[in-house]
C-alpha atoms as a PDB file:
ATOM      1  CA  UNK A   1     -21.010  -5.468  14.097  1.00  0.00           C
ATOM      2  CA  UNK A   2     -19.345  -2.108  13.472  1.00  0.00           C
ATOM      3  CA  UNK A   3     -15.596  -1.949  13.265  1.00  0.00           C
ATOM      4  CA  UNK A   4     -15.562   0.888  15.763  1.00  0.00           C
ATOM      5  CA  UNK A   5     -17.813   2.997  17.852  1.00  0.00           C
ATOM      6  CA  UNK A   6     -17.662   6.739  18.004  1.00  0.00           C
ATOM      7  CA  UNK A   7     -18.146   8.875  21.052  1.00  0.00           C
ATOM      8  CA  UNK A   8     -17.366  12.567  20.957  1.00  0.00           C
ATOM      9  CA  UNK A   9     -15.486  12.240  17.644  1.00  0.00           C
ATOM     10  CA  UNK A  10     -12.969   9.555  18.515  1.00  0.00           C
ATOM     11  CA  UNK A  11     -12.957   5.800  18.111  1.00  0.00           C
ATOM     12  CA  UNK A  12     -12.813   3.076  20.714  1.00  0.00           C
ATOM     13  CA  UNK A  13     -12.265  -0.642  20.359  1.00  0.00           C
ATOM     14  CA  UNK A  14     -15.435  -2.657  20.833  1.00  0.00           C
ATOM     15  CA  UNK A  15     -15.234  -5.696  23.072  1.00  0.00           C
ATOM     16  CA  UNK A  16     -16.281  -8.940  21.410  1.00  0.00           C
ATOM     17  CA  UNK A  17     -16.003 -10.834  24.653  1.00  0.00           C
ATOM     18  CA  UNK A  18     -13.846 -10.458  27.707  1.00  0.00           C
ATOM     19  CA  UNK A  19     -10.730 -11.668  25.809  1.00  0.00           C
ATOM     20  CA  UNK A  20     -11.065 -10.146  22.336  1.00  0.00           C
ATOM     21  CA  UNK A  21     -11.484  -6.631  20.935  1.00  0.00           C
ATOM     22  CA  UNK A  22     -11.897  -5.236  17.439  1.00  0.00           C
ATOM     23  CA  UNK A  23      -9.200  -2.650  16.733  1.00  0.00           C
ATOM     24  CA  UNK A  24     -10.436   0.851  16.001  1.00  0.00           C
ATOM     25  CA  UNK A  25     -10.787   2.153  12.463  1.00  0.00           C
ATOM     26  CA  UNK A  26      -7.631   4.279  12.606  1.00  0.00           C
ATOM     27  CA  UNK A  27      -5.526   1.289  13.642  1.00  0.00           C
ATOM     28  CA  UNK A  28      -6.965  -0.958  10.937  1.00  0.00           C
ATOM     29  CA  UNK A  29      -6.432   1.780   8.328  1.00  0.00           C
ATOM     30  CA  UNK A  30      -2.840   2.300   9.477  1.00  0.00           C
ATOM     31  CA  UNK A  31      -2.086  -1.432   9.212  1.00  0.00           C
ATOM     32  CA  UNK A  32      -3.761  -1.625   5.793  1.00  0.00           C
ATOM     33  CA  UNK A  33      -1.706   1.326   4.594  1.00  0.00           C
ATOM     34  CA  UNK A  34       1.501  -0.203   5.945  1.00  0.00           C
ATOM     35  CA  UNK A  35       0.641  -3.509   4.264  1.00  0.00           C
ATOM     36  CA  UNK A  36      -0.017  -1.744   0.975  1.00  0.00           C
ATOM     37  CA  UNK A  37       3.155   0.319   1.341  1.00  0.00           C
ATOM     38  CA  UNK A  38       5.237  -2.815   1.848  1.00  0.00           C
ATOM     39  CA  UNK A  39       4.290  -4.370  -1.483  1.00  0.00           C
ATOM     40  CA  UNK A  40       4.286  -1.033  -3.258  1.00  0.00           C
ATOM     41  CA  UNK A  41       7.723  -0.123  -1.901  1.00  0.00           C
ATOM     42  CA  UNK A  42       9.309  -3.435  -2.900  1.00  0.00           C
ATOM     43  CA  UNK A  43       8.129  -2.970  -6.483  1.00  0.00           C
ATOM     44  CA  UNK A  44       8.878   0.758  -6.573  1.00  0.00           C
ATOM     45  CA  UNK A  45      12.421   0.354  -5.258  1.00  0.00           C
ATOM     46  CA  UNK A  46      13.137  -2.563  -7.613  1.00  0.00           C
ATOM     47  CA  UNK A  47      11.758  -0.621 -10.566  1.00  0.00           C
ATOM     48  CA  UNK A  48      13.765   2.500  -9.728  1.00  0.00           C
ATOM     49  CA  UNK A  49      16.949   0.490  -9.149  1.00  0.00           C
ATOM     50  CA  UNK A  50      16.570  -1.553 -12.346  1.00  0.00           C
ATOM     51  CA  UNK A  51      15.570   1.474 -14.435  1.00  0.00           C
ATOM     52  CA  UNK A  52      18.449   3.554 -13.071  1.00  0.00           C
ATOM     53  CA  UNK A  53      20.939   0.699 -13.549  1.00  0.00           C
ATOM     54  CA  UNK A  54      19.839   0.186 -17.144  1.00  0.00           C
ATOM     55  CA  UNK A  55      19.845   3.947 -17.814  1.00  0.00           C
ATOM     56  CA  UNK A  56      16.207   3.871 -18.873  1.00  0.00           C
ATOM     57  CA  UNK A  57      14.464   7.168 -19.511  1.00  0.00           C
ATOM     58  CA  UNK A  58      12.499   8.714 -16.648  1.00  0.00           C
ATOM     59  CA  UNK A  59       9.291   7.515 -18.296  1.00  0.00           C
ATOM     60  CA  UNK A  60      10.684   3.990 -18.724  1.00  0.00           C
ATOM     61  CA  UNK A  61      11.938   3.838 -15.155  1.00  0.00           C
ATOM     62  CA  UNK A  62       8.630   5.075 -13.766  1.00  0.00           C
ATOM     63  CA  UNK A  63       6.623   2.675 -15.948  1.00  0.00           C
ATOM     64  CA  UNK A  64       8.725  -0.227 -14.674  1.00  0.00           C
ATOM     65  CA  UNK A  65       8.451   0.952 -11.048  1.00  0.00           C
ATOM     66  CA  UNK A  66       4.665   1.373 -11.261  1.00  0.00           C
ATOM     67  CA  UNK A  67       4.215  -2.033 -12.901  1.00  0.00           C
ATOM     68  CA  UNK A  68       6.315  -3.752 -10.238  1.00  0.00           C
ATOM     69  CA  UNK A  69       4.642  -1.820  -7.415  1.00  0.00           C
ATOM     70  CA  UNK A  70       1.208  -3.057  -8.485  1.00  0.00           C
ATOM     71  CA  UNK A  71       2.512  -6.592  -9.075  1.00  0.00           C
ATOM     72  CA  UNK A  72       4.142  -6.852  -5.645  1.00  0.00           C
ATOM     73  CA  UNK A  73       1.291  -5.025  -3.913  1.00  0.00           C
ATOM     74  CA  UNK A  74      -1.274  -7.445  -5.307  1.00  0.00           C
ATOM     75  CA  UNK A  75       0.984 -10.449  -4.674  1.00  0.00           C
ATOM     76  CA  UNK A  76       1.460  -9.512  -1.009  1.00  0.00           C
ATOM     77  CA  UNK A  77      -2.315  -9.532  -0.590  1.00  0.00           C
ATOM     78  CA  UNK A  78      -2.998 -12.635  -2.678  1.00  0.00           C
ATOM     79  CA  UNK A  79      -0.303 -14.971  -1.367  1.00  0.00           C
ATOM     80  CA  UNK A  80      -1.721 -15.543   2.145  1.00  0.00           C
ATOM     81  CA  UNK A  81      -5.243 -15.899   0.751  1.00  0.00           C
ATOM     82  CA  UNK A  82      -4.203 -18.511  -1.820  1.00  0.00           C
ATOM     83  CA  UNK A  83      -2.028 -20.258   0.767  1.00  0.00           C
ATOM     84  CA  UNK A  84      -5.089 -20.552   3.028  1.00  0.00           C
ATOM     85  CA  UNK A  85      -6.962 -22.384   0.257  1.00  0.00           C
ATOM     86  CA  UNK A  86      -8.765 -19.558  -1.518  1.00  0.00           C
ATOM     87  CA  UNK A  87      -8.973 -19.979  -5.303  1.00  0.00           C
ATOM     88  CA  UNK A  88      -6.509 -17.762  -7.197  1.00  0.00           C
ATOM     89  CA  UNK A  89      -9.299 -15.999  -9.084  1.00  0.00           C
ATOM     90  CA  UNK A  90     -11.096 -15.068  -5.860  1.00  0.00           C
ATOM     91  CA  UNK A  91      -7.853 -13.898  -4.226  1.00  0.00           C
ATOM     92  CA  UNK A  92      -7.010 -11.809  -7.301  1.00  0.00           C
ATOM     93  CA  UNK A  93     -10.432 -10.157  -7.185  1.00  0.00           C
ATOM     94  CA  UNK A  94      -9.997  -9.322  -3.509  1.00  0.00           C
ATOM     95  CA  UNK A  95      -6.518  -7.918  -4.128  1.00  0.00           C
ATOM     96  CA  UNK A  96      -7.799  -5.717  -6.947  1.00  0.00           C
ATOM     97  CA  UNK A  97     -10.693  -4.477  -4.815  1.00  0.00           C
ATOM     98  CA  UNK A  98      -8.627  -3.865  -1.691  1.00  0.00           C
ATOM     99  CA  UNK A  99      -5.343  -2.503  -3.049  1.00  0.00           C
ATOM    100  CA  UNK A 100      -5.896  -0.662  -6.327  1.00  0.00           C
ATOM    101  CA  UNK A 101      -6.830   2.760  -4.961  1.00  0.00           C
ATOM    102  CA  UNK A 102      -4.144   2.717  -2.280  1.00  0.00           C
ATOM    103  CA  UNK A 103      -1.373   1.632  -4.639  1.00  0.00           C
ATOM    104  CA  UNK A 104      -2.503   4.128  -7.295  1.00  0.00           C
ATOM    105  CA  UNK A 105      -2.352   6.998  -4.786  1.00  0.00           C
ATOM    106  CA  UNK A 106       1.062   5.883  -3.563  1.00  0.00           C
ATOM    107  CA  UNK A 107       2.397   5.600  -7.099  1.00  0.00           C
ATOM    108  CA  UNK A 108       1.155   9.026  -8.182  1.00  0.00           C
ATOM    109  CA  UNK A 109       2.586  10.636  -5.061  1.00  0.00           C
ATOM    110  CA  UNK A 110       5.936   8.867  -4.873  1.00  0.00           C
ATOM    111  CA  UNK A 111       6.717   9.138  -8.582  1.00  0.00           C
ATOM    112  CA  UNK A 112       5.556  12.750  -8.622  1.00  0.00           C
ATOM    113  CA  UNK A 113       7.958  13.510  -5.787  1.00  0.00           C
ATOM    114  CA  UNK A 114      10.788  11.641  -7.509  1.00  0.00           C
ATOM    115  CA  UNK A 115      10.213  13.721 -10.648  1.00  0.00           C
ATOM    116  CA  UNK A 116       9.966  16.993  -8.712  1.00  0.00           C
ATOM    117  CA  UNK A 117      12.940  16.341  -6.399  1.00  0.00           C
ATOM    118  CA  UNK A 118      15.924  18.093  -7.996  1.00  0.00           C
ATOM    119  CA  UNK A 119      18.369  15.511  -9.322  1.00  0.00           C
ATOM    120  CA  UNK A 120      16.576  12.434  -7.936  1.00  0.00           C
ATOM    121  CA  UNK A 121      15.781  10.837 -11.291  1.00  0.00           C
ATOM    122  CA  UNK A 122      19.240  11.665 -12.660  1.00  0.00           C
ATOM    123  CA  UNK A 123      21.173  10.428  -9.636  1.00  0.00           C
ATOM    124  CA  UNK A 124      23.010   7.132  -9.757  1.00  0.00           C
ATOM    125  CA  UNK A 125      22.496   4.351  -7.231  1.00  0.00           C
ATOM    126  CA  UNK A 126      25.494   5.441  -5.139  1.00  0.00           C
ATOM    127  CA  UNK A 127      24.038   8.909  -4.632  1.00  0.00           C
ATOM    128  CA  UNK A 128      22.384   9.773  -1.327  1.00  0.00           C
ATOM    129  CA  UNK A 129      20.015  12.040  -3.291  1.00  0.00           C
ATOM    130  CA  UNK A 130      18.501   8.978  -4.999  1.00  0.00           C
ATOM    131  CA  UNK A 131      17.922   7.067  -1.768  1.00  0.00           C
ATOM    132  CA  UNK A 132      16.779  10.027   0.362  1.00  0.00           C
ATOM    133  CA  UNK A 133      14.311  11.111  -2.321  1.00  0.00           C
ATOM    134  CA  UNK A 134      13.018   7.562  -2.777  1.00  0.00           C
ATOM    135  CA  UNK A 135      12.591   6.892   0.948  1.00  0.00           C
ATOM    136  CA  UNK A 136      10.976  10.290   1.513  1.00  0.00           C
ATOM    137  CA  UNK A 137       8.632   9.876  -1.439  1.00  0.00           C
ATOM    138  CA  UNK A 138       7.436   6.489  -0.173  1.00  0.00           C
ATOM    139  CA  UNK A 139       6.838   7.814   3.346  1.00  0.00           C
ATOM    140  CA  UNK A 140       4.834  10.750   2.013  1.00  0.00           C
ATOM    141  CA  UNK A 141       2.930   8.419  -0.331  1.00  0.00           C
ATOM    142  CA  UNK A 142       1.839   6.280   2.626  1.00  0.00           C
ATOM    143  CA  UNK A 143       0.547   9.352   4.459  1.00  0.00           C
ATOM    144  CA  UNK A 144      -1.354  10.339   1.297  1.00  0.00           C
ATOM    145  CA  UNK A 145      -2.934   6.867   0.936  1.00  0.00           C
ATOM    146  CA  UNK A 146      -4.023   6.547   4.586  1.00  0.00           C
ATOM    147  CA  UNK A 147      -7.237   8.631   4.281  1.00  0.00           C
ATOM    148  CA  UNK A 148      -8.400   6.595   1.269  1.00  0.00           C
ATOM    149  CA  UNK A 149      -7.748   3.321   3.102  1.00  0.00           C
ATOM    150  CA  UNK A 150      -9.566   4.606   6.163  1.00  0.00           C
ATOM    151  CA  UNK A 151     -12.541   5.743   4.067  1.00  0.00           C
ATOM    152  CA  UNK A 152     -12.751   2.396   2.226  1.00  0.00           C
ATOM    153  CA  UNK A 153     -12.492   0.331   5.406  1.00  0.00           C
ATOM    154  CA  UNK A 154     -15.144   2.443   7.135  1.00  0.00           C
ATOM    155  CA  UNK A 155     -17.516   1.420   4.347  1.00  0.00           C
ATOM    156  CA  UNK A 156     -16.631  -2.286   4.461  1.00  0.00           C
ATOM    157  CA  UNK A 157     -14.428  -2.029   1.380  1.00  0.00           C
ATOM    158  CA  UNK A 158     -10.692  -1.991   0.732  1.00  0.00           C
ATOM    159  CA  UNK A 159      -8.744  -4.092   3.203  1.00  0.00           C
ATOM    160  CA  UNK A 160     -11.920  -4.761   5.178  1.00  0.00           C
ATOM    161  CA  UNK A 161     -12.758  -7.218   2.386  1.00  0.00           C
ATOM    162  CA  UNK A 162      -9.442  -9.025   2.799  1.00  0.00           C
ATOM    163  CA  UNK A 163      -9.635  -9.075   6.602  1.00  0.00           C
ATOM    164  CA  UNK A 164     -13.038 -10.717   6.423  1.00  0.00           C
ATOM    165  CA  UNK A 165     -11.361 -13.653   4.634  1.00  0.00           C
ATOM    166  CA  UNK A 166      -8.413 -14.196   6.984  1.00  0.00           C
ATOM    167  CA  UNK A 167      -8.511 -17.697   8.303  1.00  0.00           C
ATOM    168  CA  UNK A 168     -10.483 -18.748   5.182  1.00  0.00           C
END
């Protein structure tokens, strides 16, 4: 069954029966992007806060933020799968397949913005510049990752792989 049907260039939910519908592709892609952003943002914010607090170099702070963003992003996908009884190795493979591109796009975009935003990487944690730049960069990163998530899901990849295992 297709995730969506197209009629005159827009998507509609397809009824499964009189009580259930499959959400359209745009909705699924938006939720997948939000899910990915949640894990990515937790790691990114922690990395930026820790790196800034420890007065790490920009490169050190970004390396820490990227590492934590991938770790939390993958963990947020894997945890419910493992909790439902899926073997850790299988859950890890699904997380890698579903999240890597999205997290990579978000990390390139948000760290690029942090580097380009005047004073953001030099600001201390009490500075509004730090927090406004970080929040803005994450929001823009999510918008940048949405098309990739939508494209992957439309081809049965990305978060479509994870959604097929919910209730495992």
